[in-house]
């Protein structure tokens, strides 16, 4: 649901000289490509968290300081504040945990595919939930 374009690319009948495999294992090209996407996944997680924070901030700015016509003067405000607080909590939890774990492993050149995938999924889910809650 995040605004990214995709493209398809084919390499047919390409020969790679044997000397080019000095640091890589033959037949592992697809694995290297998949691992190469981890940085992008971590970046998209950060972007989704920023999107979610934007939705929360927009909702906060658009919330009236006080407007009520019910017997409980705080009822309408609670109906607005609780979804905002829930969204901020979900975004903050995602921001602090898995994305930092993935980025730390990535910086250390450790395997981080599971963490990067999970960070992207959880952050985009939190942003989507924030959009749904505060709109």
N, C-alpha and C. Protein backbone atom coordinates (compact mmCIF):
# COMPACT_ATOMS: atom_id res chain seq x y z
N UNK A 1 0.81 -1.20 0.00
CA UNK A 1 0.00 0.00 0.00
C UNK A 1 0.86 1.26 0.00
N UNK A 2 2.16 1.12 0.17
CA UNK A 2 3.03 2.29 0.13
C UNK A 2 3.34 2.58 -1.33
N UNK A 3 3.49 3.83 -1.66
CA UNK A 3 3.60 4.26 -3.05
C UNK A 3 5.00 4.00 -3.61
N UNK A 4 5.24 2.78 -4.06
CA UNK A 4 6.50 2.42 -4.70
C UNK A 4 6.21 1.73 -6.02
N UNK A 5 6.98 2.07 -7.03
CA UNK A 5 6.84 1.42 -8.32
C UNK A 5 7.73 0.18 -8.36
N UNK A 6 7.33 -0.80 -9.13
CA UNK A 6 8.15 -2.00 -9.31
C UNK A 6 8.40 -2.20 -10.80
N UNK A 7 9.46 -2.87 -11.09
CA UNK A 7 9.83 -3.17 -12.47
C UNK A 7 10.33 -4.60 -12.55
N UNK A 8 10.30 -5.14 -13.73
CA UNK A 8 10.79 -6.50 -13.96
C UNK A 8 12.02 -6.41 -14.85
N UNK A 9 13.03 -7.19 -14.51
CA UNK A 9 14.30 -7.16 -15.23
C UNK A 9 14.75 -8.59 -15.49
N UNK A 10 15.14 -8.89 -16.72
CA UNK A 10 15.59 -10.23 -17.09
C UNK A 10 17.02 -10.17 -17.60
N UNK A 11 17.82 -11.17 -17.23
CA UNK A 11 19.15 -11.37 -17.78
C UNK A 11 19.15 -12.76 -18.40
N UNK A 12 19.25 -12.84 -19.70
CA UNK A 12 19.27 -14.12 -20.40
C UNK A 12 20.65 -14.34 -21.02
N UNK A 13 21.12 -15.57 -20.92
CA UNK A 13 22.38 -15.98 -21.56
C UNK A 13 23.56 -15.09 -21.17
N UNK A 14 23.63 -14.75 -19.90
CA UNK A 14 24.73 -13.93 -19.40
C UNK A 14 25.78 -14.85 -18.81
N UNK A 15 27.01 -14.65 -19.23
CA UNK A 15 28.12 -15.42 -18.68
C UNK A 15 28.96 -14.53 -17.79
N UNK A 16 29.26 -15.02 -16.59
CA UNK A 16 30.08 -14.27 -15.65
C UNK A 16 31.43 -14.97 -15.57
N UNK A 17 32.51 -14.25 -15.83
CA UNK A 17 33.84 -14.87 -15.76
C UNK A 17 34.10 -15.46 -14.38
N UNK A 18 34.81 -16.57 -14.34
CA UNK A 18 35.07 -17.28 -13.09
C UNK A 18 35.74 -16.39 -12.05
N UNK A 19 36.59 -15.47 -12.44
CA UNK A 19 37.29 -14.60 -11.50
C UNK A 19 36.38 -13.66 -10.73
N UNK A 20 35.15 -13.50 -11.19
CA UNK A 20 34.21 -12.59 -10.53
C UNK A 20 33.54 -13.23 -9.31
N UNK A 21 33.80 -14.51 -9.07
CA UNK A 21 33.20 -15.21 -7.94
C UNK A 21 34.13 -15.26 -6.74
N UNK A 22 35.13 -14.39 -6.71
CA UNK A 22 36.12 -14.47 -5.65
C UNK A 22 35.53 -14.34 -4.24
N UNK A 23 34.47 -13.57 -4.07
CA UNK A 23 33.87 -13.40 -2.74
C UNK A 23 32.50 -14.06 -2.63
N UNK A 24 32.02 -14.65 -3.69
CA UNK A 24 30.66 -15.16 -3.71
C UNK A 24 30.65 -16.62 -4.13
N UNK A 25 29.59 -17.28 -3.73
CA UNK A 25 29.43 -18.70 -4.05
C UNK A 25 28.54 -18.85 -5.29
N UNK A 26 28.98 -19.65 -6.22
CA UNK A 26 28.23 -19.88 -7.44
C UNK A 26 26.87 -20.48 -7.10
N UNK A 27 25.84 -20.02 -7.81
CA UNK A 27 24.49 -20.54 -7.60
C UNK A 27 23.73 -19.84 -6.48
N UNK A 28 24.35 -18.87 -5.83
CA UNK A 28 23.72 -18.17 -4.71
C UNK A 28 23.25 -16.77 -5.10
N UNK A 29 23.22 -16.46 -6.38
CA UNK A 29 22.87 -15.12 -6.84
C UNK A 29 21.53 -14.64 -6.34
N UNK A 30 20.52 -15.49 -6.42
CA UNK A 30 19.19 -15.07 -5.97
C UNK A 30 19.20 -14.77 -4.48
N UNK A 31 19.90 -15.56 -3.70
CA UNK A 31 20.01 -15.32 -2.26
C UNK A 31 20.67 -13.97 -1.99
N UNK A 32 21.71 -13.65 -2.76
CA UNK A 32 22.39 -12.37 -2.60
C UNK A 32 21.46 -11.21 -2.94
N UNK A 33 20.65 -11.39 -3.96
CA UNK A 33 19.69 -10.34 -4.33
C UNK A 33 18.67 -10.15 -3.22
N UNK A 34 18.12 -11.24 -2.73
CA UNK A 34 17.12 -11.16 -1.64
C UNK A 34 17.73 -10.48 -0.42
N UNK A 35 18.93 -10.86 -0.04
CA UNK A 35 19.60 -10.24 1.10
C UNK A 35 19.87 -8.75 0.83
N UNK A 36 20.09 -8.41 -0.42
CA UNK A 36 20.34 -7.02 -0.78
C UNK A 36 19.14 -6.12 -0.57
N UNK A 37 17.97 -6.70 -0.51
CA UNK A 37 16.75 -5.92 -0.29
C UNK A 37 16.53 -5.57 1.18
N UNK A 38 17.34 -6.12 2.08
CA UNK A 38 17.12 -5.86 3.50
C UNK A 38 17.22 -4.38 3.84
N UNK A 39 18.18 -3.68 3.25
CA UNK A 39 18.31 -2.24 3.51
C UNK A 39 17.03 -1.52 3.09
N UNK A 40 16.48 -1.91 1.94
CA UNK A 40 15.25 -1.27 1.48
C UNK A 40 14.09 -1.58 2.42
N UNK A 41 14.03 -2.80 2.90
CA UNK A 41 12.94 -3.16 3.82
C UNK A 41 13.02 -2.33 5.09
N UNK A 42 14.22 -2.15 5.60
CA UNK A 42 14.40 -1.33 6.81
C UNK A 42 14.02 0.12 6.53
N UNK A 43 14.40 0.62 5.38
CA UNK A 43 14.06 1.98 4.98
C UNK A 43 12.54 2.16 4.84
N UNK A 44 11.88 1.20 4.22
CA UNK A 44 10.43 1.27 4.06
C UNK A 44 9.74 1.21 5.42
N UNK A 45 10.29 0.44 6.35
CA UNK A 45 9.74 0.41 7.71
C UNK A 45 9.82 1.80 8.34
N UNK A 46 10.97 2.46 8.18
CA UNK A 46 11.12 3.81 8.72
C UNK A 46 10.14 4.77 8.05
N UNK A 47 9.97 4.61 6.74
CA UNK A 47 9.02 5.46 6.02
C UNK A 47 7.60 5.25 6.52
N UNK A 48 7.21 4.02 6.72
CA UNK A 48 5.86 3.72 7.19
C UNK A 48 5.63 4.29 8.59
N UNK A 49 6.64 4.22 9.43
CA UNK A 49 6.53 4.81 10.77
C UNK A 49 6.35 6.32 10.66
N UNK A 50 7.10 6.93 9.76
CA UNK A 50 6.91 8.37 9.53
C UNK A 50 5.52 8.69 9.02
N UNK A 51 5.00 7.85 8.14
CA UNK A 51 3.63 8.04 7.65
C UNK A 51 2.64 7.97 8.80
N UNK A 52 2.80 6.96 9.65
CA UNK A 52 1.90 6.79 10.79
C UNK A 52 1.96 7.98 11.73
N UNK A 53 3.16 8.47 11.99
CA UNK A 53 3.31 9.64 12.87
C UNK A 53 2.66 10.86 12.23
N UNK A 54 2.74 10.97 10.90
CA UNK A 54 2.10 12.08 10.20
C UNK A 54 0.58 12.03 10.38
N UNK A 55 0.00 10.84 10.24
CA UNK A 55 -1.44 10.69 10.43
C UNK A 55 -1.85 11.09 11.85
N UNK A 56 -1.07 10.65 12.83
CA UNK A 56 -1.36 10.98 14.23
C UNK A 56 -1.25 12.49 14.45
N UNK A 57 -0.20 13.10 13.92
CA UNK A 57 -0.02 14.54 14.09
C UNK A 57 -1.14 15.32 13.40
N UNK A 58 -1.53 14.88 12.22
CA UNK A 58 -2.63 15.54 11.51
C UNK A 58 -3.92 15.45 12.32
N UNK A 59 -4.18 14.27 12.88
CA UNK A 59 -5.39 14.09 13.70
C UNK A 59 -5.32 14.97 14.95
N UNK A 60 -4.14 15.03 15.56
CA UNK A 60 -3.99 15.86 16.76
C UNK A 60 -4.25 17.33 16.44
N UNK A 61 -3.69 17.81 15.33
CA UNK A 61 -3.89 19.22 14.93
C UNK A 61 -5.35 19.52 14.62
N UNK A 62 -6.06 18.54 14.08
CA UNK A 62 -7.45 18.75 13.67
C UNK A 62 -8.46 18.46 14.77
N UNK A 63 -8.00 18.07 15.94
CA UNK A 63 -8.91 17.77 17.04
C UNK A 63 -9.27 19.07 17.74
N UNK A 64 -10.56 19.34 17.90
CA UNK A 64 -10.95 20.56 18.61
C UNK A 64 -10.53 20.49 20.08
N UNK A 65 -10.15 21.63 20.62
CA UNK A 65 -9.72 21.68 22.02
C UNK A 65 -10.83 21.21 22.93
N UNK A 66 -12.02 21.62 22.66
CA UNK A 66 -13.18 21.11 23.41
C UNK A 66 -14.43 21.37 22.60
N UNK A 67 -15.19 20.33 22.43
CA UNK A 67 -16.48 20.43 21.74
C UNK A 67 -17.33 19.30 22.26
N UNK A 68 -18.41 19.64 22.90
CA UNK A 68 -19.23 18.59 23.48
C UNK A 68 -20.69 19.00 23.55
N UNK A 69 -21.55 18.03 23.43
CA UNK A 69 -22.97 18.28 23.62
C UNK A 69 -23.60 17.13 24.38
N UNK A 70 -22.76 16.29 25.00
CA UNK A 70 -23.30 15.14 25.70
C UNK A 70 -23.32 15.40 27.20
N UNK A 71 -23.93 14.50 27.94
CA UNK A 71 -23.97 14.62 29.40
C UNK A 71 -22.58 14.51 30.00
N UNK A 72 -21.74 13.69 29.40
CA UNK A 72 -20.34 13.56 29.84
C UNK A 72 -19.51 14.48 28.95
N UNK A 73 -19.05 15.61 29.49
CA UNK A 73 -18.35 16.59 28.65
C UNK A 73 -17.09 16.05 27.99
N UNK A 74 -16.50 14.99 28.54
CA UNK A 74 -15.26 14.48 27.95
C UNK A 74 -15.51 13.37 26.93
N UNK A 75 -16.74 12.92 26.77
CA UNK A 75 -17.02 11.78 25.89
C UNK A 75 -16.56 12.00 24.46
N UNK A 76 -16.92 13.09 23.80
CA UNK A 76 -16.47 13.26 22.41
C UNK A 76 -14.95 13.37 22.30
N UNK A 77 -14.33 14.01 23.26
CA UNK A 77 -12.88 14.16 23.21
C UNK A 77 -12.21 12.80 23.40
N UNK A 78 -12.73 11.98 24.32
CA UNK A 78 -12.18 10.63 24.50
C UNK A 78 -12.31 9.82 23.21
N UNK A 79 -13.42 10.00 22.53
CA UNK A 79 -13.65 9.25 21.29
C UNK A 79 -12.62 9.63 20.23
N UNK A 80 -12.06 10.81 20.34
CA UNK A 80 -11.03 11.24 19.41
C UNK A 80 -9.64 10.89 19.95
N UNK A 81 -9.42 11.14 21.24
CA UNK A 81 -8.09 10.97 21.82
C UNK A 81 -7.65 9.51 21.88
N UNK A 82 -8.56 8.61 22.22
CA UNK A 82 -8.17 7.21 22.37
C UNK A 82 -7.63 6.60 21.07
N UNK A 83 -8.29 6.78 19.93
CA UNK A 83 -7.70 6.25 18.69
C UNK A 83 -6.34 6.87 18.36
N UNK A 84 -6.19 8.16 18.66
CA UNK A 84 -4.90 8.81 18.42
C UNK A 84 -3.84 8.17 19.32
N UNK A 85 -4.16 8.00 20.59
CA UNK A 85 -3.20 7.40 21.53
C UNK A 85 -2.88 5.96 21.14
N UNK A 86 -3.88 5.20 20.73
CA UNK A 86 -3.65 3.81 20.31
C UNK A 86 -2.72 3.77 19.09
N UNK A 87 -2.94 4.66 18.17
CA UNK A 87 -2.10 4.70 16.97
C UNK A 87 -0.67 5.08 17.31
N UNK A 88 -0.51 6.07 18.16
CA UNK A 88 0.83 6.50 18.55
C UNK A 88 1.56 5.38 19.29
N UNK A 89 0.85 4.67 20.15
CA UNK A 89 1.46 3.55 20.87
C UNK A 89 1.93 2.47 19.90
N UNK A 90 1.08 2.10 18.94
CA UNK A 90 1.45 1.06 17.97
C UNK A 90 2.64 1.49 17.13
N UNK A 91 2.67 2.73 16.71
CA UNK A 91 3.77 3.23 15.89
C UNK A 91 5.06 3.26 16.70
N UNK A 92 4.98 3.75 17.92
CA UNK A 92 6.18 3.85 18.76
C UNK A 92 6.74 2.48 19.07
N UNK A 93 5.88 1.52 19.35
CA UNK A 93 6.34 0.16 19.65
C UNK A 93 7.09 -0.41 18.45
N UNK A 94 6.56 -0.22 17.25
CA UNK A 94 7.21 -0.74 16.05
C UNK A 94 8.52 0.01 15.79
N UNK A 95 8.50 1.31 16.07
CA UNK A 95 9.68 2.13 15.80
C UNK A 95 10.86 1.71 16.67
N UNK A 96 10.58 1.37 17.88
CA UNK A 96 11.65 1.09 18.83
C UNK A 96 12.21 -0.31 18.67
N UNK A 97 11.40 -1.28 18.36
CA UNK A 97 11.85 -2.65 18.48
C UNK A 97 12.48 -3.25 17.23
N UNK A 98 11.69 -3.84 16.39
CA UNK A 98 12.21 -4.70 15.32
C UNK A 98 13.04 -3.93 14.29
N UNK A 99 12.65 -2.71 13.99
CA UNK A 99 13.40 -1.95 12.98
C UNK A 99 14.82 -1.70 13.46
N UNK A 100 14.99 -1.36 14.73
CA UNK A 100 16.33 -1.14 15.26
C UNK A 100 17.13 -2.44 15.30
N UNK A 101 16.47 -3.54 15.62
CA UNK A 101 17.17 -4.83 15.61
C UNK A 101 17.67 -5.13 14.19
N UNK A 102 16.79 -4.93 13.20
CA UNK A 102 17.16 -5.20 11.81
C UNK A 102 18.30 -4.29 11.37
N UNK A 103 18.19 -3.01 11.68
CA UNK A 103 19.23 -2.06 11.27
C UNK A 103 20.56 -2.37 11.94
N UNK A 104 20.53 -2.75 13.20
CA UNK A 104 21.76 -3.10 13.92
C UNK A 104 22.43 -4.30 13.28
N UNK A 105 21.65 -5.33 13.00
CA UNK A 105 22.21 -6.52 12.36
C UNK A 105 22.74 -6.18 10.96
N UNK A 106 22.00 -5.37 10.23
CA UNK A 106 22.43 -4.98 8.89
C UNK A 106 23.77 -4.24 8.97
N UNK A 107 23.89 -3.30 9.91
CA UNK A 107 25.14 -2.55 10.06
C UNK A 107 26.31 -3.45 10.42
N UNK A 108 26.02 -4.52 11.14
CA UNK A 108 27.07 -5.47 11.53
C UNK A 108 27.34 -6.51 10.44
N UNK A 109 26.62 -6.38 9.32
CA UNK A 109 26.72 -7.32 8.20
C UNK A 109 26.32 -8.74 8.61
N UNK A 110 25.35 -8.81 9.54
CA UNK A 110 24.79 -10.09 9.96
C UNK A 110 23.52 -10.36 9.16
N UNK A 111 23.09 -11.59 9.14
CA UNK A 111 21.82 -11.93 8.47
C UNK A 111 20.69 -11.22 9.22
N UNK A 112 19.84 -10.53 8.46
CA UNK A 112 18.76 -9.77 9.10
C UNK A 112 17.48 -9.82 8.28
N UNK A 113 17.36 -10.80 7.39
CA UNK A 113 16.18 -10.88 6.53
C UNK A 113 14.88 -11.00 7.30
N UNK A 114 14.85 -11.85 8.31
CA UNK A 114 13.61 -12.04 9.07
C UNK A 114 13.23 -10.75 9.79
N UNK A 115 14.21 -10.10 10.41
CA UNK A 115 13.93 -8.86 11.13
C UNK A 115 13.52 -7.74 10.19
N UNK A 116 14.19 -7.64 9.03
CA UNK A 116 13.85 -6.59 8.06
C UNK A 116 12.44 -6.79 7.51
N UNK A 117 12.10 -8.03 7.20
CA UNK A 117 10.73 -8.32 6.72
C UNK A 117 9.70 -8.00 7.78
N UNK A 118 9.97 -8.42 9.00
CA UNK A 118 9.02 -8.19 10.09
C UNK A 118 8.88 -6.70 10.38
N UNK A 119 10.00 -5.98 10.36
CA UNK A 119 9.95 -4.53 10.60
C UNK A 119 9.08 -3.84 9.55
N UNK A 120 9.29 -4.19 8.30
CA UNK A 120 8.49 -3.59 7.22
C UNK A 120 7.02 -3.92 7.39
N UNK A 121 6.71 -5.16 7.69
CA UNK A 121 5.32 -5.57 7.86
C UNK A 121 4.66 -4.85 9.04
N UNK A 122 5.32 -4.89 10.20
CA UNK A 122 4.71 -4.30 11.41
C UNK A 122 4.56 -2.79 11.28
N UNK A 123 5.57 -2.14 10.72
CA UNK A 123 5.49 -0.68 10.58
C UNK A 123 4.40 -0.27 9.59
N UNK A 124 4.30 -0.98 8.47
CA UNK A 124 3.26 -0.63 7.50
C UNK A 124 1.88 -0.94 8.07
N UNK A 125 1.78 -2.00 8.85
CA UNK A 125 0.50 -2.32 9.52
C UNK A 125 0.13 -1.22 10.51
N UNK A 126 1.09 -0.74 11.29
CA UNK A 126 0.83 0.33 12.25
C UNK A 126 0.42 1.61 11.55
N UNK A 127 1.06 1.95 10.43
CA UNK A 127 0.70 3.14 9.67
C UNK A 127 -0.71 3.01 9.10
N UNK A 128 -1.03 1.83 8.58
CA UNK A 128 -2.37 1.59 8.03
C UNK A 128 -3.42 1.71 9.13
N UNK A 129 -3.14 1.13 10.29
CA UNK A 129 -4.08 1.22 11.41
C UNK A 129 -4.25 2.67 11.87
N UNK A 130 -3.15 3.42 11.91
CA UNK A 130 -3.24 4.84 12.30
C UNK A 130 -4.14 5.59 11.32
N UNK A 131 -3.95 5.32 10.04
CA UNK A 131 -4.78 5.99 9.03
C UNK A 131 -6.25 5.65 9.22
N UNK A 132 -6.54 4.38 9.51
CA UNK A 132 -7.92 3.95 9.69
C UNK A 132 -8.53 4.52 10.97
N UNK A 133 -7.75 4.58 12.04
CA UNK A 133 -8.27 5.02 13.34
C UNK A 133 -8.54 6.52 13.38
N UNK A 134 -7.66 7.30 12.79
CA UNK A 134 -7.74 8.75 13.00
C UNK A 134 -8.42 9.49 11.86
N UNK A 135 -8.91 8.80 10.89
CA UNK A 135 -9.57 9.48 9.77
C UNK A 135 -11.03 9.71 10.05
